Protein backbone atom coordinates (compact mmCIF):
# COMPACT_ATOMS: atom_id res chain seq x y z
CA UNK A 1 145.04 49.31 71.78
CA UNK A 2 142.80 48.70 74.71
CA UNK A 3 144.25 47.37 77.86
CA UNK A 4 142.26 44.48 79.16
CA UNK A 5 142.02 44.20 82.93
CA UNK A 6 141.10 41.75 85.73
CA UNK A 7 140.09 43.11 89.02
CA UNK A 8 140.71 40.79 91.93
CA UNK A 9 139.35 41.93 95.31
CA UNK A 10 137.27 40.30 97.99
CA UNK A 11 135.31 43.41 98.53
CA UNK A 12 132.47 43.94 96.23
CA UNK A 13 132.67 47.67 96.99
CA UNK A 14 136.33 47.94 96.00
CA UNK A 15 135.73 45.88 92.88
CA UNK A 16 132.98 48.50 91.91
CA UNK A 17 135.32 51.33 92.93
CA UNK A 18 138.25 50.08 90.76
CA UNK A 19 136.09 49.10 87.90
CA UNK A 20 134.39 52.53 87.78
CA UNK A 21 137.68 54.39 87.89
CA UNK A 22 139.08 52.12 84.92
CA UNK A 23 136.16 52.39 82.74
CA UNK A 24 136.17 56.11 82.87
CA UNK A 25 139.10 55.81 80.15
CA UNK A 26 138.25 54.43 76.67
CA UNK A 27 141.57 52.79 76.40
CA UNK A 28 140.75 50.57 79.30
CA UNK A 29 138.38 47.39 79.38
CA UNK A 30 137.68 45.54 82.70
CA UNK A 31 137.20 42.11 81.14
CA UNK A 32 136.39 40.25 84.55
CA UNK A 33 136.23 40.26 88.44
CA UNK A 34 137.36 37.80 90.82
CA UNK A 35 136.49 37.64 94.63
CA UNK A 36 139.44 35.43 95.66
CA UNK A 37 142.54 33.80 94.30
CA UNK A 38 140.74 30.56 93.11
CA UNK A 39 138.34 32.48 90.98
CA UNK A 40 141.10 34.61 89.74
CA UNK A 41 143.14 31.81 88.53
CA UNK A 42 140.39 30.45 86.44
CA UNK A 43 139.76 34.21 85.09
CA UNK A 44 143.29 34.66 84.23
CA UNK A 45 143.18 31.29 82.15
CA UNK A 46 139.82 32.18 80.38
CA UNK A 47 140.64 36.11 79.76
CA UNK A 48 144.24 36.27 79.54
CA UNK A 49 144.22 39.95 80.85
CA UNK A 50 147.13 42.50 80.10
CA UNK A 51 146.90 43.65 83.54
CA UNK A 52 145.54 42.40 86.89
CA UNK A 53 144.79 44.60 89.90
CA UNK A 54 145.12 42.36 93.14
CA UNK A 55 144.04 43.04 96.76
CA UNK A 56 146.69 42.12 99.23
CA UNK A 57 144.42 40.71 101.82
CA UNK A 58 141.90 38.08 100.64
CA UNK A 59 140.49 34.74 101.77
CA UNK A 60 141.53 31.10 100.77
CA UNK A 61 145.12 32.63 99.56
CA UNK A 62 146.43 35.92 100.42
CA UNK A 63 147.68 38.35 97.52
CA UNK A 64 151.19 37.62 98.23
CA UNK A 65 151.15 34.06 97.76
CA UNK A 66 148.97 34.40 94.63
CA UNK A 67 151.34 37.13 93.09
CA UNK A 68 154.15 34.46 93.57
CA UNK A 69 152.30 31.86 91.51
CA UNK A 70 151.51 34.53 88.82
CA UNK A 71 155.19 35.65 88.60
CA UNK A 72 156.44 31.93 88.32
CA UNK A 73 153.83 30.35 86.16
CA UNK A 74 152.20 33.28 84.15
CA UNK A 75 154.22 36.50 84.51
CA UNK A 76 151.83 39.41 83.96
CA UNK A 77 151.70 43.07 85.21
CA UNK A 78 150.12 43.22 88.30
CA UNK A 79 149.08 46.44 90.54
CA UNK A 80 148.67 45.45 94.00
CA UNK A 81 146.01 47.38 96.05
CA UNK A 82 146.76 48.04 99.45
CA UNK A 83 145.48 49.53 102.93
CA UNK A 84 147.64 52.35 104.31
CA UNK A 85 148.70 50.52 107.54
CA UNK A 86 151.99 49.29 108.51
CA UNK A 87 151.19 45.87 107.82
CA UNK A 88 150.24 46.93 104.20
CA UNK A 89 153.34 48.77 103.72
CA UNK A 90 155.50 45.94 104.68
CA UNK A 91 153.51 43.27 102.65
CA UNK A 92 153.47 45.84 99.77
CA UNK A 93 157.16 46.08 99.42
CA UNK A 94 157.37 42.24 99.57
CA UNK A 95 155.04 42.38 96.71
CA UNK A 96 157.28 44.83 94.88
CA UNK A 97 160.36 42.50 95.28
CA UNK A 98 158.35 39.57 94.11
CA UNK A 99 157.70 41.08 90.89
CA UNK A 100 154.22 43.47 91.33
CA UNK A 101 154.51 46.50 88.91
CA UNK A 102 153.39 48.80 91.43
CA UNK A 103 151.20 49.23 94.55
CA UNK A 104 148.19 51.46 94.90
CA UNK A 105 146.66 52.61 98.28
CA UNK A 106 143.02 51.95 98.80
CA UNK A 107 141.19 55.35 98.96
CA UNK A 108 140.45 56.52 102.45
CA UNK A 109 138.92 59.63 103.86
CA UNK A 110 141.16 62.64 102.94
CA UNK A 111 143.45 60.36 100.99
CA UNK A 112 143.03 59.39 97.19
CA UNK A 113 146.27 60.54 95.64
CA UNK A 114 147.41 57.25 94.79
CA UNK A 115 144.09 55.79 93.63
CA UNK A 116 143.88 58.83 91.57
CA UNK A 117 146.74 57.43 89.51
CA UNK A 118 145.31 54.13 88.89
CA UNK A 119 144.59 54.52 85.28
CA UNK A 120 148.00 55.88 84.46
CA UNK A 121 149.59 53.06 86.28
CA UNK A 122 147.39 50.52 84.49
CA UNK A 123 148.40 51.79 81.02
CA UNK A 124 151.88 51.95 82.08
CA UNK A 125 151.87 48.41 83.32
CA UNK A 126 150.48 47.18 79.99
CA UNK A 127 153.60 48.54 78.32
CA UNK A 128 156.05 47.46 81.01
CA UNK A 129 159.05 45.13 80.83
CA UNK A 130 158.31 43.65 84.13
CA UNK A 131 159.16 40.01 84.37
CA UNK A 132 159.46 37.72 87.50
CA UNK A 133 162.44 38.72 89.30
CA UNK A 134 164.06 37.62 92.61
CA UNK A 135 166.92 39.31 94.32
CA UNK A 136 169.22 37.82 96.75
CA UNK A 137 171.17 41.08 97.45
CA UNK A 138 174.41 40.53 99.20
CA UNK A 139 175.74 43.49 101.02
CA UNK A 140 179.44 44.16 100.63
CA UNK A 141 181.52 44.79 103.45
CA UNK A 142 183.88 47.89 104.04
CA UNK A 143 186.32 47.65 100.90
CA UNK A 144 190.09 48.48 101.89
CA UNK A 145 190.44 49.49 98.06
CA UNK A 146 187.54 52.01 98.33
CA UNK A 147 188.01 55.58 99.39
CA UNK A 148 185.34 57.89 98.84
CA UNK A 149 186.11 61.32 97.53
CA UNK A 150 184.03 64.35 98.41
CA UNK A 151 181.14 63.67 96.05
CA UNK A 152 177.40 63.44 96.89
CA UNK A 153 175.40 60.72 95.36
CA UNK A 154 171.79 61.73 94.36
CA UNK A 155 169.44 58.91 93.18
CA UNK A 156 165.94 59.51 91.75
CA UNK A 157 163.36 56.75 91.12
CA UNK A 158 159.82 55.92 90.71
CA UNK A 159 157.76 52.75 89.48
CA UNK A 160 160.15 49.83 89.69
CA UNK A 161 162.41 51.60 91.98
CA UNK A 162 162.23 49.12 94.82
CA UNK A 163 163.92 46.52 92.60
CA UNK A 164 166.37 48.90 91.11
CA UNK A 165 167.53 50.52 94.37
CA UNK A 166 168.08 47.12 95.87
CA UNK A 167 170.34 46.02 92.99
CA UNK A 168 172.38 49.37 93.19
CA UNK A 169 172.50 50.00 97.01
CA UNK A 170 173.59 46.32 97.73
CA UNK A 171 176.68 47.07 95.48
CA UNK A 172 177.74 49.83 97.70
CA UNK A 173 180.52 49.37 100.38
CA UNK A 174 179.86 50.26 104.04
CA UNK A 175 182.05 53.44 103.64
CA UNK A 176 180.00 54.61 100.62
CA UNK A 177 179.96 58.42 99.65
CA UNK A 178 176.58 60.23 101.15
CA UNK A 179 173.77 59.43 99.35
CA UNK A 180 170.33 61.01 99.11
CA UNK A 181 167.39 59.15 97.42
CA UNK A 182 163.80 60.26 96.43
CA UNK A 183 161.59 57.47 95.33
CA UNK A 184 157.83 58.14 94.76
CA UNK A 185 156.16 55.94 97.39
CA UNK A 186 153.31 56.42 99.85
CA UNK A 187 154.49 58.01 103.21
CA UNK A 188 153.57 54.65 104.94
CA UNK A 189 155.86 52.74 102.92
CA UNK A 190 159.16 54.63 103.05
CA UNK A 191 160.11 53.82 106.69
CA UNK A 192 159.75 49.95 105.96
CA UNK A 193 161.60 50.42 102.68
CA UNK A 194 164.43 52.22 104.43
CA UNK A 195 164.54 49.24 107.24
CA UNK A 196 164.63 46.71 104.30
CA UNK A 197 167.41 48.49 102.45
CA UNK A 198 169.35 48.76 105.69
CA UNK A 199 169.04 44.87 106.17
CA UNK A 200 170.31 44.38 102.73
CA UNK A 201 173.04 46.84 102.50
CA UNK A 202 176.44 47.34 103.95
CA UNK A 203 176.04 51.07 104.38
CA UNK A 204 173.53 52.49 106.68
CA UNK A 205 170.35 53.31 105.34
CA UNK A 206 167.64 55.40 107.15
CA UNK A 207 164.46 57.50 106.34
CA UNK A 208 165.74 61.06 106.07
CA UNK A 209 165.45 63.34 109.27
CA UNK A 210 165.37 67.00 108.96
CA UNK A 211 168.68 68.35 110.12
CA UNK A 212 170.59 65.09 109.91
CA UNK A 213 174.15 65.31 108.99
CA UNK A 214 175.09 63.88 105.66
CA UNK A 215 178.32 61.77 106.18
CA UNK A 216 180.24 58.75 104.68
CA UNK A 217 178.56 55.56 104.93
CA UNK A 218 175.03 56.98 105.22
CA UNK A 219 172.18 56.66 102.81
CA UNK A 220 169.09 58.71 103.35
CA UNK A 221 165.67 58.01 101.90
CA UNK A 222 163.02 60.81 101.64
CA UNK A 223 159.71 60.32 103.49
CA UNK A 224 156.91 59.82 101.21
CA UNK A 225 155.21 63.05 102.07
CA UNK A 226 158.27 65.41 101.97
CA UNK A 227 160.83 66.79 99.65
CA UNK A 228 164.29 65.94 100.62
CA UNK A 229 167.08 68.55 100.08
CA UNK A 230 170.68 69.09 100.76
CA UNK A 231 171.55 72.23 102.94
CA UNK A 232 175.04 73.27 102.21
CA UNK A 233 177.50 74.43 104.91
CA UNK A 234 180.81 72.97 106.72
CA UNK A 235 178.84 69.97 107.62
CA UNK A 236 175.87 69.32 105.03
CA UNK A 237 172.71 68.39 106.35
CA UNK A 238 169.18 66.92 105.11
CA UNK A 239 166.53 69.42 104.73
CA UNK A 240 162.68 68.25 104.66
CA UNK A 241 160.18 70.30 103.30
CA UNK A 242 156.15 70.14 102.82
CA UNK A 243 156.40 72.75 99.89
CA UNK A 244 153.93 72.01 97.03
CA UNK A 245 154.22 69.07 94.84
CA UNK A 246 156.77 69.45 91.90
CA UNK A 247 155.69 67.39 88.88
CA UNK A 248 152.89 65.95 90.93
CA UNK A 249 155.23 64.54 93.37
CA UNK A 250 156.27 65.10 96.97
CA UNK A 251 159.12 64.04 97.39
CA UNK A 252 160.17 65.25 93.87
CA UNK A 253 163.49 64.18 92.39
CA UNK A 254 163.94 67.47 90.67
CA UNK A 255 163.46 69.32 94.18
CA UNK A 256 166.29 67.00 95.37
CA UNK A 257 168.64 67.19 92.47
CA UNK A 258 168.49 71.01 92.19
CA UNK A 259 169.27 71.39 96.05
CA UNK A 260 172.44 69.16 95.50
CA UNK A 261 173.43 71.47 92.55
CA UNK A 262 172.95 74.60 94.57
CA UNK A 263 175.04 72.95 97.52
CA UNK A 264 178.01 71.28 95.88
CA UNK A 265 177.60 72.07 92.07
CA UNK A 266 179.38 69.50 90.10
CA UNK A 267 180.78 67.55 93.17
CA UNK A 268 178.10 65.08 92.72
CA UNK A 269 176.75 62.08 90.82
CA UNK A 270 173.26 62.13 89.78
CA UNK A 271 171.25 59.06 88.79
CA UNK A 272 168.00 58.61 87.38
CA UNK A 273 166.13 55.36 87.41
CA UNK A 274 163.04 53.76 86.14
CA UNK A 275 159.86 55.55 86.44
CA UNK A 276 156.79 57.21 84.92
CA UNK A 277 156.70 61.04 83.77
CA UNK A 278 159.41 63.41 83.76
CA UNK A 279 160.34 64.13 87.38
CA UNK A 280 164.12 64.60 87.74
CA UNK A 281 164.94 65.34 84.21
CA UNK A 282 165.37 68.94 84.64
CA UNK A 283 167.43 68.60 87.83
CA UNK A 284 169.77 65.98 86.40
CA UNK A 285 170.47 68.35 83.32
CA UNK A 286 171.25 71.18 86.03
CA UNK A 287 173.77 68.81 87.67
CA UNK A 288 175.27 67.77 84.24
CA UNK A 289 175.69 71.49 83.27
CA UNK A 290 177.50 72.09 86.70
CA UNK A 291 180.01 69.51 85.77
CA UNK A 292 178.47 66.52 87.79
CA UNK A 293 178.62 62.75 86.47
CA UNK A 294 175.05 61.96 85.54
CA UNK A 295 173.99 58.38 84.84
CA UNK A 296 170.54 57.01 83.39
CA UNK A 297 169.15 53.50 83.57
CA UNK A 298 168.58 52.19 79.92
CA UNK A 299 165.39 51.27 78.44
CA UNK A 300 165.99 47.43 78.30
CA UNK A 301 166.50 47.11 81.98
CA UNK A 302 163.87 49.83 83.15
CA UNK A 303 160.27 48.80 84.33
CA UNK A 304 159.07 51.95 82.95
CA UNK A 305 161.35 54.08 80.52
CA UNK A 306 159.77 57.44 81.24
CA UNK A 307 161.99 59.43 83.64
CA UNK A 308 165.25 58.20 82.42
CA UNK A 309 163.85 58.70 78.76
CA UNK A 310 163.06 62.17 79.12
CA UNK A 311 166.21 63.07 81.06
CA UNK A 312 168.29 61.39 78.14
CA UNK A 313 166.36 63.08 75.47
CA UNK A 314 167.01 66.74 76.90
CA UNK A 315 170.61 65.87 77.68
CA UNK A 316 170.72 65.33 81.29
CA UNK A 317 172.24 61.60 81.25
CA UNK A 318 175.76 61.66 80.68
CA UNK A 319 175.59 57.85 80.22
CA UNK A 320 173.05 55.18 80.20
CA UNK A 321 173.62 51.84 81.55
CA UNK A 322 171.89 48.70 82.46
CA UNK A 323 170.55 48.52 86.08
CA UNK A 324 173.12 45.79 86.89
CA UNK A 325 176.08 48.10 85.94
CA UNK A 326 175.01 51.30 87.75
CA UNK A 327 176.11 50.57 91.37
CA UNK A 328 179.55 49.60 90.47
CA UNK A 329 179.91 52.35 87.97
CA UNK A 330 178.93 54.88 90.95
CA UNK A 331 181.54 53.28 93.20
CA UNK A 332 184.24 53.43 90.65
CA UNK A 333 183.53 57.15 89.72
CA UNK A 334 183.88 58.11 93.47
CA UNK A 335 186.93 55.97 94.46
CA UNK A 336 189.95 58.30 95.01
CA UNK A 337 192.10 54.87 94.55
CA UNK A 338 190.78 54.73 91.02
CA UNK A 339 192.85 57.34 89.24
CA UNK A 340 190.78 56.99 85.99
CA UNK A 341 187.38 57.01 87.85
CA UNK A 342 186.96 60.78 88.12
CA UNK A 343 185.38 60.96 84.75
CA UNK A 344 183.40 58.76 82.77
């Protein structure tokens, strides 16, 4: 089935670039263009597109305000087109929380990786389960009934991961197990996302720094242009690497999972969340084979049931759960006060 796309951008040049890229695929039809939200509103009513590409900064009404109206009044998969600036990163994260399917960086000199994925993301958006969702995450305080064991938490996510990670991490106590996260996201976005998570969570969340000690109560988010690995030792530490991409990504979830398996073998909980492709599936299987607990987000709660599907099909997922249950399950597994929590 052909995917019908409406392109919304105040720049004629960008509308042309987006249209040319999308029309290169026979399964995508660009059914219309709009230069501002007022034109877009009429076009949406008349054309009923399957997917909308939306510029963040436009005259008359900015993209965020318009996205909010779309999600409330006519939920439609929306891919935001963002600049690679700090403001662009902050606003893009807000868009993802409101309900945007994903954000694509505008092509610039020497940077077109995200834009190169536009076709695949449009197709995935058309098949997505995205609905308008709003999260009022409430951070938990240190829970006297929770005492972490010596496990490491490793979480991998891609498209839809902003929503998923906010849901999970806001359920963690302040003294949560040491946690590593690889989320497919542009480099300019990860620092803002870590700061956003830190404000929402009881535990301390930061963008990972090479050599940082991996300790209780700390959550480390891989920078958007580096692999995050665990370096074993009496005091384990973060290791950042600019090694080639794996599965088309840096950071790669597989790279992170495999490093955790080498460092602690089965003393870990591996979690794979919503996302396109298969990154993380093989690494999660390695963790499970080493004796680690492994969880996968289920199909109904995934924005894109790609990464968790492949991991499940190859045997890497010990248990599939709805997104809303994953955070609580992780905490239960790692709680030394829960005698039955050592195994699923």
